[in-house]
Amino acid sequence: MRYLIDSANDRQILDALSLGACGVTANPSMYLKNQQNFYTFLETYASMKLSFFSGEVIGETLEEMRAEARKLYSIHPGIVMKLNFSKEALILCRELHEQGISTAMTLIFTIAQANAAVNAGADYLFPFIGRSDEYGLDGMELIKSVQKMADLKKDSFSVVAASIKNLHQLEELAKAGIDYAAIPYELYEKSLYHPLTNQGAAAFAVDWKALNVKSQH
């Protein structure tokens, strides 16, 4: 399972990329929180030629969404067009697919929505785990089922786990063989630490120091 850093914070993004994250994804709430100019943000990270980098396509009408997709494409043709699931998004997804432009369908909460997105030609699906759980649904079961669809279709699309809330979910996703995880920075950091790792490192450091002292005599 490969990590996409789910953030619009420059410091967090650069740190996560240095740790091995292969791409960046964000949403309008994150851009607002971090006071990012959306188009400047896209220009900056698109120029880094990441394995995955998405830009949100937002509009009240299909025509507005088409215009926004054209603008994002003009910034960099490698930007993955991230669409909020809707009938209009499915239409645009199909159009972009036919033009050879990569798309990601987000806000997926059901298998029916996932299947519709696949039929429209989406390259990436973002099923939401935590938000599904909040509404009494089984978010983990949802994403496992979507991954099974992807496996049966032999990689015609990739699955990105979104709305990951805790370490247990993250580890279950890895064990389930999910393609990608859109991981929040705080969870990324938390996943790197364990008290036994710290204790072991401290013990090795003490023994290494003692070994060096003994070697000098």
N, C-alpha and C. Protein backbone atom coordinates (compact mmCIF):
# COMPACT_ATOMS: atom_id res chain seq x y z
N MET A 1 0.84 -1.20 0.00
CA MET A 1 0.00 0.00 0.00
C MET A 1 0.87 1.24 0.00
N ARG A 2 0.68 2.11 -0.97
CA ARG A 2 1.48 3.32 -1.09
C ARG A 2 0.74 4.50 -0.46
N TYR A 3 1.52 5.42 0.10
CA TYR A 3 0.93 6.56 0.80
C TYR A 3 0.85 7.80 -0.10
N LEU A 4 -0.30 8.47 -0.04
CA LEU A 4 -0.48 9.82 -0.57
C LEU A 4 -0.68 10.72 0.63
N ILE A 5 0.11 11.78 0.76
CA ILE A 5 -0.07 12.66 1.90
C ILE A 5 -1.34 13.50 1.68
N ASP A 6 -2.24 13.43 2.64
CA ASP A 6 -3.55 14.09 2.55
C ASP A 6 -3.45 15.42 3.30
N SER A 7 -2.94 16.43 2.62
CA SER A 7 -2.65 17.70 3.29
C SER A 7 -2.43 18.79 2.27
N ALA A 8 -2.64 20.04 2.69
CA ALA A 8 -2.28 21.20 1.88
C ALA A 8 -1.27 22.07 2.62
N ASN A 9 -0.65 21.49 3.65
CA ASN A 9 0.37 22.19 4.42
C ASN A 9 1.75 21.88 3.83
N ASP A 10 2.46 22.90 3.39
CA ASP A 10 3.73 22.68 2.69
C ASP A 10 4.74 21.92 3.52
N ARG A 11 4.87 22.27 4.79
CA ARG A 11 5.85 21.58 5.64
C ARG A 11 5.50 20.11 5.78
N GLN A 12 4.23 19.82 6.01
CA GLN A 12 3.80 18.44 6.15
C GLN A 12 4.02 17.66 4.86
N ILE A 13 3.69 18.27 3.74
CA ILE A 13 3.83 17.59 2.45
C ILE A 13 5.29 17.23 2.17
N LEU A 14 6.18 18.19 2.33
CA LEU A 14 7.59 17.96 2.03
C LEU A 14 8.19 16.92 2.96
N ASP A 15 7.78 16.94 4.23
CA ASP A 15 8.28 15.95 5.18
C ASP A 15 7.78 14.56 4.79
N ALA A 16 6.50 14.45 4.47
CA ALA A 16 5.92 13.15 4.10
C ALA A 16 6.58 12.61 2.82
N LEU A 17 6.83 13.47 1.86
CA LEU A 17 7.48 13.03 0.63
C LEU A 17 8.89 12.54 0.91
N SER A 18 9.59 13.21 1.84
CA SER A 18 10.95 12.78 2.19
C SER A 18 10.94 11.43 2.87
N LEU A 19 9.83 11.08 3.52
CA LEU A 19 9.70 9.80 4.21
C LEU A 19 9.28 8.67 3.28
N GLY A 20 8.84 9.01 2.06
CA GLY A 20 8.49 7.95 1.12
C GLY A 20 7.09 8.05 0.53
N ALA A 21 6.28 9.02 0.95
CA ALA A 21 4.97 9.18 0.32
C ALA A 21 5.18 9.44 -1.17
N CYS A 22 4.31 8.89 -2.01
CA CYS A 22 4.53 8.97 -3.45
C CYS A 22 3.70 10.05 -4.13
N GLY A 23 2.83 10.72 -3.37
CA GLY A 23 1.99 11.72 -4.01
C GLY A 23 1.27 12.59 -3.00
N VAL A 24 0.48 13.51 -3.54
CA VAL A 24 -0.22 14.51 -2.72
C VAL A 24 -1.67 14.60 -3.16
N THR A 25 -2.55 14.66 -2.18
CA THR A 25 -3.96 14.91 -2.45
C THR A 25 -4.49 15.81 -1.35
N ALA A 26 -5.44 16.65 -1.67
CA ALA A 26 -5.99 17.57 -0.68
C ALA A 26 -7.44 17.87 -1.05
N ASN A 27 -8.06 18.79 -0.32
CA ASN A 27 -9.43 19.18 -0.63
C ASN A 27 -9.61 20.67 -0.30
N PRO A 28 -10.71 21.28 -0.75
CA PRO A 28 -10.90 22.72 -0.52
C PRO A 28 -10.80 23.15 0.94
N SER A 29 -11.26 22.31 1.85
CA SER A 29 -11.18 22.65 3.27
C SER A 29 -9.72 22.79 3.71
N MET A 30 -8.87 21.92 3.18
CA MET A 30 -7.44 21.97 3.52
C MET A 30 -6.77 23.20 2.91
N TYR A 31 -7.14 23.54 1.66
CA TYR A 31 -6.58 24.73 1.05
C TYR A 31 -6.94 25.97 1.87
N LEU A 32 -8.18 26.04 2.31
CA LEU A 32 -8.65 27.18 3.10
C LEU A 32 -7.92 27.24 4.43
N LYS A 33 -7.84 26.11 5.11
CA LYS A 33 -7.19 26.06 6.43
C LYS A 33 -5.74 26.52 6.36
N ASN A 34 -5.05 26.16 5.29
CA ASN A 34 -3.63 26.50 5.16
C ASN A 34 -3.39 27.75 4.32
N GLN A 35 -4.48 28.46 4.00
CA GLN A 35 -4.41 29.72 3.26
C GLN A 35 -3.59 29.57 1.98
N GLN A 36 -3.87 28.49 1.26
CA GLN A 36 -3.19 28.22 0.01
C GLN A 36 -3.93 28.87 -1.16
N ASN A 37 -3.17 29.48 -2.06
CA ASN A 37 -3.73 29.85 -3.35
C ASN A 37 -3.79 28.56 -4.17
N PHE A 38 -4.98 28.15 -4.51
CA PHE A 38 -5.18 26.84 -5.14
C PHE A 38 -4.31 26.63 -6.38
N TYR A 39 -4.30 27.61 -7.27
CA TYR A 39 -3.59 27.43 -8.54
C TYR A 39 -2.07 27.49 -8.35
N THR A 40 -1.61 28.31 -7.42
CA THR A 40 -0.19 28.34 -7.10
C THR A 40 0.24 27.01 -6.49
N PHE A 41 -0.62 26.47 -5.63
CA PHE A 41 -0.37 25.17 -5.02
C PHE A 41 -0.22 24.10 -6.10
N LEU A 42 -1.13 24.11 -7.07
CA LEU A 42 -1.07 23.13 -8.15
C LEU A 42 0.21 23.29 -8.97
N GLU A 43 0.57 24.51 -9.30
CA GLU A 43 1.78 24.75 -10.08
C GLU A 43 3.02 24.24 -9.35
N THR A 44 3.06 24.47 -8.04
CA THR A 44 4.23 24.07 -7.25
C THR A 44 4.43 22.57 -7.25
N TYR A 45 3.38 21.83 -6.91
CA TYR A 45 3.54 20.38 -6.75
C TYR A 45 3.45 19.61 -8.07
N ALA A 46 2.76 20.17 -9.04
CA ALA A 46 2.74 19.51 -10.35
C ALA A 46 4.13 19.53 -10.97
N SER A 47 4.90 20.56 -10.67
CA SER A 47 6.25 20.67 -11.24
C SER A 47 7.21 19.64 -10.65
N MET A 48 6.82 19.01 -9.53
CA MET A 48 7.68 18.02 -8.89
C MET A 48 7.57 16.64 -9.54
N LYS A 49 6.64 16.47 -10.47
CA LYS A 49 6.48 15.22 -11.20
C LYS A 49 6.32 14.02 -10.27
N LEU A 50 5.37 14.14 -9.36
CA LEU A 50 5.07 13.07 -8.41
C LEU A 50 4.34 11.92 -9.11
N SER A 51 4.35 10.75 -8.48
CA SER A 51 3.62 9.61 -9.04
C SER A 51 2.12 9.88 -9.09
N PHE A 52 1.64 10.66 -8.10
CA PHE A 52 0.21 11.01 -8.05
C PHE A 52 0.09 12.42 -7.51
N PHE A 53 -0.67 13.25 -8.21
CA PHE A 53 -0.99 14.58 -7.70
C PHE A 53 -2.35 14.98 -8.25
N SER A 54 -3.27 15.29 -7.37
CA SER A 54 -4.63 15.59 -7.80
C SER A 54 -4.99 17.06 -7.56
N GLY A 55 -5.93 17.53 -8.37
CA GLY A 55 -6.50 18.86 -8.21
C GLY A 55 -8.01 18.77 -8.25
N GLU A 56 -8.66 19.46 -7.33
CA GLU A 56 -10.12 19.40 -7.23
C GLU A 56 -10.79 20.15 -8.38
N VAL A 57 -11.77 19.51 -8.99
CA VAL A 57 -12.59 20.14 -10.03
C VAL A 57 -13.94 20.46 -9.41
N ILE A 58 -14.16 21.74 -9.11
CA ILE A 58 -15.38 22.16 -8.44
C ILE A 58 -16.18 23.08 -9.35
N GLY A 59 -17.49 22.92 -9.36
CA GLY A 59 -18.35 23.81 -10.13
C GLY A 59 -19.81 23.51 -9.82
N GLU A 60 -20.65 24.52 -9.95
CA GLU A 60 -22.07 24.32 -9.67
C GLU A 60 -22.79 23.68 -10.85
N THR A 61 -22.21 23.82 -12.03
CA THR A 61 -22.81 23.23 -13.23
C THR A 61 -21.76 22.40 -13.96
N LEU A 62 -22.22 21.59 -14.88
CA LEU A 62 -21.30 20.78 -15.68
C LEU A 62 -20.38 21.67 -16.50
N GLU A 63 -20.90 22.76 -17.03
CA GLU A 63 -20.08 23.66 -17.84
C GLU A 63 -18.98 24.29 -16.98
N GLU A 64 -19.31 24.68 -15.76
CA GLU A 64 -18.30 25.24 -14.86
C GLU A 64 -17.23 24.20 -14.54
N MET A 65 -17.64 22.96 -14.35
CA MET A 65 -16.69 21.89 -14.07
C MET A 65 -15.79 21.63 -15.28
N ARG A 66 -16.36 21.67 -16.47
CA ARG A 66 -15.56 21.49 -17.69
C ARG A 66 -14.50 22.59 -17.80
N ALA A 67 -14.93 23.82 -17.53
CA ALA A 67 -14.00 24.95 -17.62
C ALA A 67 -12.88 24.82 -16.59
N GLU A 68 -13.23 24.37 -15.40
CA GLU A 68 -12.22 24.21 -14.34
C GLU A 68 -11.25 23.09 -14.71
N ALA A 69 -11.75 22.01 -15.26
CA ALA A 69 -10.88 20.91 -15.69
C ALA A 69 -9.91 21.38 -16.76
N ARG A 70 -10.39 22.20 -17.70
CA ARG A 70 -9.50 22.74 -18.74
C ARG A 70 -8.41 23.61 -18.12
N LYS A 71 -8.77 24.40 -17.12
CA LYS A 71 -7.80 25.27 -16.47
C LYS A 71 -6.74 24.45 -15.75
N LEU A 72 -7.16 23.40 -15.05
CA LEU A 72 -6.20 22.54 -14.36
C LEU A 72 -5.29 21.84 -15.35
N TYR A 73 -5.85 21.40 -16.45
CA TYR A 73 -5.05 20.71 -17.47
C TYR A 73 -4.01 21.65 -18.06
N SER A 74 -4.38 22.92 -18.21
CA SER A 74 -3.44 23.89 -18.76
C SER A 74 -2.27 24.15 -17.82
N ILE A 75 -2.49 23.98 -16.51
CA ILE A 75 -1.41 24.14 -15.54
C ILE A 75 -0.41 23.01 -15.69
N HIS A 76 -0.95 21.78 -15.78
CA HIS A 76 -0.08 20.62 -16.02
C HIS A 76 -0.95 19.44 -16.45
N PRO A 77 -0.65 18.81 -17.57
CA PRO A 77 -1.49 17.71 -18.06
C PRO A 77 -1.45 16.47 -17.18
N GLY A 78 -0.47 16.40 -16.26
CA GLY A 78 -0.37 15.23 -15.40
C GLY A 78 -1.21 15.30 -14.14
N ILE A 79 -1.86 16.44 -13.91
CA ILE A 79 -2.71 16.55 -12.72
C ILE A 79 -3.91 15.60 -12.85
N VAL A 80 -4.14 14.81 -11.82
CA VAL A 80 -5.31 13.92 -11.79
C VAL A 80 -6.53 14.76 -11.42
N MET A 81 -7.55 14.76 -12.27
CA MET A 81 -8.75 15.55 -12.03
C MET A 81 -9.62 14.86 -10.97
N LYS A 82 -9.71 15.48 -9.80
CA LYS A 82 -10.42 14.89 -8.68
C LYS A 82 -11.85 15.43 -8.66
N LEU A 83 -12.82 14.54 -8.84
CA LEU A 83 -14.22 14.92 -8.98
C LEU A 83 -15.04 14.43 -7.79
N ASN A 84 -15.88 15.31 -7.24
CA ASN A 84 -16.83 14.89 -6.21
C ASN A 84 -17.96 14.12 -6.88
N PHE A 85 -18.29 12.95 -6.36
CA PHE A 85 -19.27 12.08 -7.01
C PHE A 85 -20.61 12.79 -7.21
N SER A 86 -21.10 12.75 -8.44
CA SER A 86 -22.42 13.27 -8.80
C SER A 86 -22.70 12.83 -10.23
N LYS A 87 -23.92 13.06 -10.71
CA LYS A 87 -24.23 12.73 -12.10
C LYS A 87 -23.38 13.57 -13.05
N GLU A 88 -23.22 14.85 -12.72
CA GLU A 88 -22.40 15.73 -13.56
C GLU A 88 -20.95 15.27 -13.58
N ALA A 89 -20.47 14.83 -12.41
CA ALA A 89 -19.09 14.35 -12.33
C ALA A 89 -18.89 13.10 -13.17
N LEU A 90 -19.89 12.24 -13.22
CA LEU A 90 -19.79 11.04 -14.05
C LEU A 90 -19.71 11.40 -15.53
N ILE A 91 -20.51 12.38 -15.93
CA ILE A 91 -20.48 12.82 -17.33
C ILE A 91 -19.10 13.37 -17.68
N LEU A 92 -18.58 14.24 -16.80
CA LEU A 92 -17.27 14.84 -17.04
C LEU A 92 -16.17 13.79 -16.99
N CYS A 93 -16.30 12.86 -16.08
CA CYS A 93 -15.32 11.78 -15.97
C CYS A 93 -15.23 11.01 -17.27
N ARG A 94 -16.38 10.70 -17.85
CA ARG A 94 -16.40 9.97 -19.12
C ARG A 94 -15.74 10.78 -20.23
N GLU A 95 -16.04 12.07 -20.26
CA GLU A 95 -15.46 12.93 -21.29
C GLU A 95 -13.94 13.00 -21.16
N LEU A 96 -13.47 13.18 -19.92
CA LEU A 96 -12.03 13.28 -19.68
C LEU A 96 -11.33 11.96 -20.01
N HIS A 97 -11.99 10.86 -19.65
CA HIS A 97 -11.44 9.53 -19.94
C HIS A 97 -11.24 9.37 -21.45
N GLU A 98 -12.21 9.79 -22.22
CA GLU A 98 -12.12 9.66 -23.67
C GLU A 98 -11.02 10.55 -24.26
N GLN A 99 -10.64 11.60 -23.52
CA GLN A 99 -9.55 12.48 -23.94
C GLN A 99 -8.19 12.02 -23.41
N GLY A 100 -8.19 10.92 -22.65
CA GLY A 100 -6.94 10.41 -22.11
C GLY A 100 -6.45 11.15 -20.89
N ILE A 101 -7.36 11.84 -20.19
CA ILE A 101 -6.99 12.61 -18.99
C ILE A 101 -7.36 11.81 -17.75
N SER A 102 -6.42 11.69 -16.82
CA SER A 102 -6.63 10.89 -15.61
C SER A 102 -7.64 11.55 -14.67
N THR A 103 -8.47 10.72 -14.06
CA THR A 103 -9.49 11.22 -13.14
C THR A 103 -9.52 10.40 -11.86
N ALA A 104 -9.99 11.05 -10.81
CA ALA A 104 -10.23 10.38 -9.53
C ALA A 104 -11.63 10.77 -9.06
N MET A 105 -12.42 9.77 -8.68
CA MET A 105 -13.76 10.04 -8.16
C MET A 105 -13.72 9.90 -6.65
N THR A 106 -14.09 10.98 -5.96
CA THR A 106 -14.03 10.98 -4.51
C THR A 106 -15.44 11.05 -3.91
N LEU A 107 -15.50 10.95 -2.58
CA LEU A 107 -16.78 10.90 -1.85
C LEU A 107 -17.60 9.69 -2.27
N ILE A 108 -16.92 8.53 -2.31
CA ILE A 108 -17.57 7.26 -2.62
C ILE A 108 -18.00 6.60 -1.30
N PHE A 109 -19.29 6.25 -1.20
CA PHE A 109 -19.80 5.64 0.03
C PHE A 109 -20.55 4.33 -0.20
N THR A 110 -20.74 3.94 -1.46
CA THR A 110 -21.44 2.69 -1.74
C THR A 110 -20.78 1.97 -2.91
N ILE A 111 -21.04 0.67 -3.00
CA ILE A 111 -20.54 -0.10 -4.12
C ILE A 111 -21.17 0.38 -5.42
N ALA A 112 -22.44 0.77 -5.36
CA ALA A 112 -23.13 1.26 -6.57
C ALA A 112 -22.45 2.52 -7.09
N GLN A 113 -22.06 3.42 -6.20
CA GLN A 113 -21.34 4.62 -6.63
C GLN A 113 -19.99 4.25 -7.23
N ALA A 114 -19.30 3.32 -6.58
CA ALA A 114 -17.99 2.88 -7.09
C ALA A 114 -18.13 2.29 -8.48
N ASN A 115 -19.13 1.47 -8.67
CA ASN A 115 -19.33 0.83 -9.96
C ASN A 115 -19.67 1.84 -11.05
N ALA A 116 -20.48 2.84 -10.68
CA ALA A 116 -20.82 3.89 -11.64
C ALA A 116 -19.58 4.67 -12.06
N ALA A 117 -18.71 4.93 -11.09
CA ALA A 117 -17.47 5.66 -11.38
C ALA A 117 -16.56 4.84 -12.30
N VAL A 118 -16.51 3.54 -12.08
CA VAL A 118 -15.71 2.66 -12.94
C VAL A 118 -16.28 2.67 -14.36
N ASN A 119 -17.60 2.59 -14.47
CA ASN A 119 -18.23 2.62 -15.79
C ASN A 119 -17.94 3.92 -16.53
N ALA A 120 -17.77 5.01 -15.77
CA ALA A 120 -17.50 6.32 -16.38
C ALA A 120 -16.02 6.48 -16.74
N GLY A 121 -15.20 5.50 -16.34
CA GLY A 121 -13.79 5.53 -16.71
C GLY A 121 -12.84 6.13 -15.69
N ALA A 122 -13.27 6.24 -14.43
CA ALA A 122 -12.40 6.80 -13.40
C ALA A 122 -11.14 5.95 -13.23
N ASP A 123 -10.01 6.60 -13.08
CA ASP A 123 -8.74 5.90 -12.88
C ASP A 123 -8.47 5.60 -11.41
N TYR A 124 -9.03 6.43 -10.52
CA TYR A 124 -8.85 6.26 -9.08
C TYR A 124 -10.20 6.44 -8.39
N LEU A 125 -10.45 5.61 -7.38
CA LEU A 125 -11.65 5.74 -6.57
C LEU A 125 -11.25 6.01 -5.12
N PHE A 126 -11.92 6.97 -4.49
CA PHE A 126 -11.65 7.34 -3.11
C PHE A 126 -12.84 6.96 -2.22
N PRO A 127 -12.93 5.71 -1.76
CA PRO A 127 -13.97 5.36 -0.78
C PRO A 127 -13.61 5.95 0.59
N PHE A 128 -14.61 6.44 1.32
CA PHE A 128 -14.39 7.09 2.61
C PHE A 128 -14.70 6.12 3.74
N ILE A 129 -13.71 5.89 4.59
CA ILE A 129 -13.87 4.92 5.68
C ILE A 129 -14.51 5.55 6.92
N GLY A 130 -13.82 6.53 7.49
CA GLY A 130 -14.28 7.12 8.74
C GLY A 130 -15.67 7.72 8.65
N ARG A 131 -15.91 8.47 7.58
CA ARG A 131 -17.23 9.10 7.43
C ARG A 131 -18.31 8.05 7.25
N SER A 132 -17.99 6.94 6.60
CA SER A 132 -18.96 5.85 6.47
C SER A 132 -19.31 5.29 7.84
N ASP A 133 -18.28 5.07 8.67
CA ASP A 133 -18.50 4.54 10.01
C ASP A 133 -19.39 5.47 10.84
N GLU A 134 -19.21 6.78 10.66
CA GLU A 134 -20.00 7.75 11.42
C GLU A 134 -21.49 7.65 11.10
N TYR A 135 -21.83 7.13 9.92
CA TYR A 135 -23.23 7.00 9.53
C TYR A 135 -23.74 5.57 9.68
N GLY A 136 -23.03 4.78 10.49
CA GLY A 136 -23.49 3.43 10.79
C GLY A 136 -23.16 2.41 9.72
N LEU A 137 -22.32 2.79 8.77
CA LEU A 137 -21.91 1.86 7.71
C LEU A 137 -20.56 1.25 8.07
N ASP A 138 -20.16 0.24 7.35
CA ASP A 138 -18.88 -0.42 7.58
C ASP A 138 -17.89 0.06 6.52
N GLY A 139 -17.14 1.10 6.88
CA GLY A 139 -16.22 1.70 5.92
C GLY A 139 -15.13 0.76 5.47
N MET A 140 -14.65 -0.07 6.38
CA MET A 140 -13.58 -1.00 6.02
C MET A 140 -14.09 -2.06 5.04
N GLU A 141 -15.29 -2.54 5.27
CA GLU A 141 -15.87 -3.53 4.36
C GLU A 141 -16.10 -2.92 2.98
N LEU A 142 -16.51 -1.65 2.97
CA LEU A 142 -16.72 -0.95 1.70
C LEU A 142 -15.44 -0.93 0.88
N ILE A 143 -14.35 -0.50 1.50
CA ILE A 143 -13.12 -0.35 0.72
C ILE A 143 -12.53 -1.70 0.31
N LYS A 144 -12.69 -2.71 1.14
CA LYS A 144 -12.23 -4.05 0.76
C LYS A 144 -13.01 -4.55 -0.46
N SER A 145 -14.29 -4.25 -0.49
CA SER A 145 -15.11 -4.68 -1.63
C SER A 145 -14.73 -3.94 -2.90
N VAL A 146 -14.42 -2.65 -2.76
CA VAL A 146 -14.01 -1.87 -3.93
C VAL A 146 -12.65 -2.37 -4.43
N GLN A 147 -11.75 -2.72 -3.50
CA GLN A 147 -10.45 -3.26 -3.91
C GLN A 147 -10.63 -4.60 -4.62
N LYS A 148 -11.57 -5.39 -4.16
CA LYS A 148 -11.84 -6.67 -4.82
C LYS A 148 -12.31 -6.44 -6.25
N MET A 149 -13.13 -5.40 -6.44
CA MET A 149 -13.57 -5.04 -7.79
C MET A 149 -12.36 -4.69 -8.66
N ALA A 150 -11.44 -3.92 -8.10
CA ALA A 150 -10.25 -3.51 -8.85
C ALA A 150 -9.40 -4.72 -9.22
N ASP A 151 -9.24 -5.63 -8.27
CA ASP A 151 -8.43 -6.83 -8.52
C ASP A 151 -9.05 -7.70 -9.61
N LEU A 152 -10.37 -7.83 -9.59
CA LEU A 152 -11.06 -8.64 -10.60
C LEU A 152 -10.96 -8.02 -11.99
N LYS A 153 -10.88 -6.67 -12.02
CA LYS A 153 -10.77 -5.98 -13.30
C LYS A 153 -9.31 -5.81 -13.73
N LYS A 154 -8.40 -6.41 -12.97
CA LYS A 154 -6.98 -6.44 -13.33
C LYS A 154 -6.40 -5.04 -13.53
N ASP A 155 -6.58 -4.23 -12.47
CA ASP A 155 -5.94 -2.91 -12.42
C ASP A 155 -6.47 -1.92 -13.45
N SER A 156 -7.75 -2.00 -13.81
CA SER A 156 -8.32 -0.99 -14.68
C SER A 156 -8.51 0.33 -13.93
N PHE A 157 -8.51 0.26 -12.60
CA PHE A 157 -8.54 1.46 -11.76
C PHE A 157 -7.84 1.14 -10.45
N SER A 158 -7.46 2.18 -9.72
CA SER A 158 -6.79 2.02 -8.43
C SER A 158 -7.67 2.55 -7.31
N VAL A 159 -7.51 1.96 -6.13
CA VAL A 159 -8.32 2.33 -4.96
C VAL A 159 -7.47 3.14 -3.99
N VAL A 160 -8.04 4.26 -3.55
CA VAL A 160 -7.37 5.12 -2.58
C VAL A 160 -8.24 5.19 -1.33
N ALA A 161 -7.75 4.63 -0.24
CA ALA A 161 -8.48 4.70 1.03
C ALA A 161 -8.45 6.13 1.53
N ALA A 162 -9.61 6.69 1.83
CA ALA A 162 -9.71 8.06 2.32
C ALA A 162 -10.46 8.09 3.65
N SER A 163 -10.33 9.22 4.33
CA SER A 163 -10.98 9.39 5.64
C SER A 163 -10.53 8.31 6.62
N ILE A 164 -9.21 8.16 6.73
CA ILE A 164 -8.62 7.18 7.66
C ILE A 164 -8.45 7.86 9.01
N LYS A 165 -8.99 7.25 10.05
CA LYS A 165 -9.07 7.94 11.34
C LYS A 165 -8.09 7.45 12.39
N ASN A 166 -7.54 6.23 12.25
CA ASN A 166 -6.69 5.71 13.32
C ASN A 166 -5.72 4.65 12.80
N LEU A 167 -4.79 4.26 13.66
CA LEU A 167 -3.76 3.29 13.29
C LEU A 167 -4.35 1.92 12.97
N HIS A 168 -5.38 1.54 13.70
CA HIS A 168 -6.01 0.24 13.44
C HIS A 168 -6.52 0.18 12.01
N GLN A 169 -7.20 1.21 11.56
CA GLN A 169 -7.70 1.24 10.19
C GLN A 169 -6.55 1.20 9.20
N LEU A 170 -5.49 1.95 9.48
CA LEU A 170 -4.35 2.00 8.58
C LEU A 170 -3.71 0.62 8.41
N GLU A 171 -3.56 -0.10 9.52
CA GLU A 171 -2.94 -1.42 9.46
C GLU A 171 -3.86 -2.43 8.78
N GLU A 172 -5.16 -2.32 9.02
CA GLU A 172 -6.10 -3.21 8.35
C GLU A 172 -6.10 -2.99 6.83
N LEU A 173 -5.94 -1.74 6.43
CA LEU A 173 -5.87 -1.42 5.00
C LEU A 173 -4.64 -2.05 4.36
N ALA A 174 -3.51 -1.94 5.06
CA ALA A 174 -2.27 -2.52 4.54
C ALA A 174 -2.41 -4.03 4.40
N LYS A 175 -2.99 -4.68 5.40
CA LYS A 175 -3.16 -6.14 5.36
C LYS A 175 -4.13 -6.56 4.25
N ALA A 176 -5.07 -5.68 3.92
CA ALA A 176 -6.07 -6.00 2.90
C ALA A 176 -5.54 -5.77 1.49
N GLY A 177 -4.32 -5.21 1.38
CA GLY A 177 -3.74 -5.00 0.06
C GLY A 177 -4.34 -3.86 -0.72
N ILE A 178 -4.80 -2.81 -0.01
CA ILE A 178 -5.36 -1.64 -0.68
C ILE A 178 -4.25 -0.93 -1.47
N ASP A 179 -4.57 -0.40 -2.63
CA ASP A 179 -3.56 0.20 -3.50
C ASP A 179 -2.87 1.41 -2.85
N TYR A 180 -3.68 2.37 -2.41
CA TYR A 180 -3.16 3.62 -1.85
C TYR A 180 -3.93 4.01 -0.58
N ALA A 181 -3.25 4.75 0.29
CA ALA A 181 -3.91 5.34 1.44
C ALA A 181 -3.65 6.84 1.42
N ALA A 182 -4.72 7.63 1.45
CA ALA A 182 -4.59 9.08 1.58
C ALA A 182 -4.45 9.36 3.08
N ILE A 183 -3.22 9.51 3.54
CA ILE A 183 -2.94 9.49 4.97
C ILE A 183 -2.73 10.90 5.52
N PRO A 184 -3.46 11.27 6.58
CA PRO A 184 -3.24 12.57 7.22
C PRO A 184 -1.83 12.60 7.85
N TYR A 185 -1.23 13.76 7.88
CA TYR A 185 0.14 13.88 8.36
C TYR A 185 0.28 13.39 9.80
N GLU A 186 -0.65 13.77 10.66
CA GLU A 186 -0.56 13.38 12.07
C GLU A 186 -0.58 11.85 12.22
N LEU A 187 -1.39 11.19 11.41
CA LEU A 187 -1.45 9.73 11.46
C LEU A 187 -0.18 9.12 10.90
N TYR A 188 0.37 9.72 9.86
CA TYR A 188 1.64 9.26 9.28
C TYR A 188 2.72 9.27 10.36
N GLU A 189 2.85 10.40 11.06
CA GLU A 189 3.86 10.52 12.12
C GLU A 189 3.61 9.48 13.22
N LYS A 190 2.37 9.36 13.63
CA LYS A 190 2.02 8.42 14.71
C LYS A 190 2.35 6.99 14.33
N SER A 191 2.21 6.65 13.05
CA SER A 191 2.44 5.27 12.60
C SER A 191 3.91 4.88 12.67
N LEU A 192 4.80 5.85 12.77
CA LEU A 192 6.24 5.57 12.75
C LEU A 192 6.80 5.20 14.12
N TYR A 193 6.02 5.42 15.17
CA TYR A 193 6.56 5.27 16.52
C TYR A 193 5.91 4.12 17.28
N HIS A 194 6.73 3.47 18.09
CA HIS A 194 6.26 2.44 19.01
C HIS A 194 7.21 2.45 20.21
N PRO A 195 6.69 2.34 21.44
CA PRO A 195 7.57 2.40 22.61
C PRO A 195 8.66 1.34 22.62
N LEU A 196 8.38 0.14 22.09
CA LEU A 196 9.40 -0.90 22.08
C LEU A 196 10.53 -0.57 21.11
N THR A 197 10.20 0.11 20.02
CA THR A 197 11.23 0.56 19.09
C THR A 197 12.15 1.57 19.78
N ASN A 198 11.55 2.52 20.49
CA ASN A 198 12.34 3.53 21.20
C ASN A 198 13.20 2.91 22.29
N GLN A 199 12.62 1.95 23.02
CA GLN A 199 13.38 1.28 24.08
C GLN A 199 14.54 0.49 23.50
N GLY A 200 14.30 -0.21 22.42
CA GLY A 200 15.35 -0.99 21.79
C GLY A 200 16.47 -0.12 21.27
N ALA A 201 16.12 1.01 20.66
CA ALA A 201 17.13 1.92 20.13
C ALA A 201 17.98 2.50 21.25
N ALA A 202 17.32 2.83 22.37
CA ALA A 202 18.06 3.39 23.51
C ALA A 202 19.03 2.35 24.08
N ALA A 203 18.59 1.11 24.18
CA ALA A 203 19.45 0.05 24.71
C ALA A 203 20.64 -0.20 23.79
N PHE A 204 20.40 -0.21 22.48
CA PHE A 204 21.49 -0.40 21.52
C PHE A 204 22.49 0.74 21.59
N ALA A 205 22.00 1.96 21.80
CA ALA A 205 22.88 3.12 21.88
C ALA A 205 23.81 3.02 23.10
N VAL A 206 23.26 2.56 24.23
CA VAL A 206 24.07 2.38 25.44
C VAL A 206 25.14 1.32 25.21
N ASP A 207 24.73 0.20 24.62
CA ASP A 207 25.69 -0.89 24.37
C ASP A 207 26.74 -0.48 23.35
N TRP A 208 26.36 0.29 22.35
CA TRP A 208 27.32 0.75 21.35
C TRP A 208 28.38 1.66 21.98
N LYS A 209 27.92 2.51 22.88
CA LYS A 209 28.86 3.40 23.57
C LYS A 209 29.83 2.59 24.41
N ALA A 210 29.32 1.57 25.13
CA ALA A 210 30.17 0.73 25.97
C ALA A 210 31.15 -0.06 25.12
N LEU A 211 30.70 -0.52 23.94
CA LEU A 211 31.56 -1.26 23.04
C LEU A 211 32.71 -0.38 22.54
N ASN A 212 32.42 0.85 22.21
CA ASN A 212 33.45 1.78 21.72
C ASN A 212 34.48 2.08 22.80
N VAL A 213 33.98 2.24 24.04
CA VAL A 213 34.89 2.50 25.16
C VAL A 213 35.82 1.31 25.36
N LYS A 214 35.26 0.10 25.31
CA LYS A 214 36.06 -1.12 25.50
C LYS A 214 37.06 -1.29 24.37
N SER A 215 36.66 -0.91 23.13
CA SER A 215 37.56 -1.07 21.97
C SER A 215 38.76 -0.14 22.03
N GLN A 216 38.64 0.93 22.78
CA GLN A 216 39.72 1.90 22.88
C GLN A 216 40.80 1.48 23.89
N HIS A 217 40.53 0.42 24.65
CA HIS A 217 41.48 -0.03 25.66
C HIS A 217 42.17 -1.31 25.22
